[in-house]
Protein backbone atom coordinates (compact mmCIF):
# COMPACT_ATOMS: atom_id res chain seq x y z
CA MET A 1 12.41 10.11 -9.68
CA SER A 2 12.64 11.16 -6.23
CA ASP A 3 14.00 9.23 -3.35
CA THR A 4 11.01 9.38 -1.13
CA PRO A 5 7.34 7.20 -2.17
CA PRO A 6 4.28 9.01 -2.72
CA ASP A 7 1.81 10.13 -0.05
CA ARG A 8 -0.77 7.80 -1.44
CA LEU A 9 -0.13 4.45 -3.36
CA SER A 10 -2.25 1.48 -4.20
CA THR A 11 -1.16 -2.03 -6.11
CA ASP A 12 -4.67 -1.96 -7.96
CA PRO A 13 -4.33 -0.77 -11.68
CA ASP A 14 -7.91 0.21 -11.69
CA SER A 15 -7.32 2.82 -8.65
CA PRO A 16 -6.22 6.83 -9.71
CA TYR A 17 -3.26 6.07 -7.19
CA TYR A 18 -1.74 3.41 -9.16
CA ASP A 19 1.82 3.42 -10.32
CA ALA A 20 3.30 1.30 -11.80
CA GLU A 21 6.94 2.90 -12.32
CA VAL A 22 7.06 3.45 -8.31
CA LEU A 23 5.93 -0.08 -7.40
CA ALA A 24 8.59 -1.40 -10.06
CA ARG A 25 11.11 0.30 -7.48
CA ASN A 26 10.05 -2.17 -4.64
CA VAL A 27 8.13 0.16 -1.81
CA GLY A 28 7.94 -1.02 1.47
CA ILE A 29 5.73 -0.12 4.29
CA ARG A 30 6.27 -0.08 7.97
CA PHE A 31 2.68 0.29 9.58
CA LYS A 32 2.93 1.06 13.43
CA GLY A 33 6.67 0.37 13.27
CA GLU A 34 6.33 -3.02 12.00
CA GLU A 35 6.98 -4.33 8.34
CA LYS A 36 3.67 -5.26 6.61
CA THR A 37 3.53 -7.28 3.11
CA ASN A 38 0.05 -7.31 2.48
CA VAL A 39 -0.73 -3.75 1.91
CA ASP A 40 -2.90 -3.04 -1.02
CA GLU A 41 -2.96 0.80 -0.53
CA TYR A 42 -1.64 3.53 1.97
CA CYS A 43 -2.05 6.75 2.42
CA VAL A 44 0.69 8.85 5.07
CA SER A 45 -1.07 12.17 5.28
CA GLU A 46 -4.29 10.38 6.64
CA GLY A 47 -2.78 7.48 8.40
CA TRP A 48 -4.19 4.27 7.21
CA VAL A 49 -3.24 1.47 5.35
CA ARG A 50 -5.74 -1.17 3.62
CA VAL A 51 -4.48 -4.69 4.09
CA VAL A 52 -5.86 -7.67 2.17
CA ALA A 53 -8.20 -10.04 4.39
CA GLY A 54 -7.17 -13.42 3.53
CA ASN A 55 -8.62 -15.22 0.70
CA ALA A 56 -12.34 -13.55 0.74
CA LYS A 57 -13.12 -11.80 -2.71
CA ASP A 58 -15.76 -9.20 -3.34
CA ARG A 59 -18.53 -10.15 -5.68
CA ARG A 60 -16.33 -8.37 -8.54
CA GLY A 61 -13.58 -10.94 -7.47
CA LYS A 62 -11.46 -8.56 -5.93
CA PRO A 63 -9.55 -9.08 -2.70
CA LEU A 64 -11.39 -7.91 0.27
CA THR A 65 -9.35 -5.30 2.34
CA LEU A 66 -9.37 -3.85 5.79
CA LYS A 67 -8.78 -0.11 6.41
CA LEU A 68 -6.33 0.21 9.48
CA GLN A 69 -5.62 3.48 11.14
CA GLY A 70 -2.00 4.29 12.77
CA GLU A 71 1.59 5.76 11.47
CA VAL A 72 2.71 4.61 7.80
CA GLU A 73 6.20 5.05 7.17
CA PRO A 74 6.77 3.89 3.02
CA TYR A 75 10.42 3.37 2.03
CA PHE A 76 12.25 1.97 -1.39
CA ARG A 77 13.85 -0.98 0.09
CA GLU A 78 17.32 -1.47 -1.64
CA GLY A 79 18.20 -3.75 -4.26
């Protein structure tokens, strides 16, 4: 497996961008230079992240997310 995270990744198992092996390597996200821990999905090439919006749920019971635009830097955390 490579040392760089994929261009797009999601934590939702129903998403086509979900990859359990990559997520098991503890991916961290810096968004606009700030560490984010509530990222649900990201895309580096398009420059956006989806963050969980509190405890709100949609009609299917999944958490509501907000799409934020900006510089995205995924990385693998050590250890």
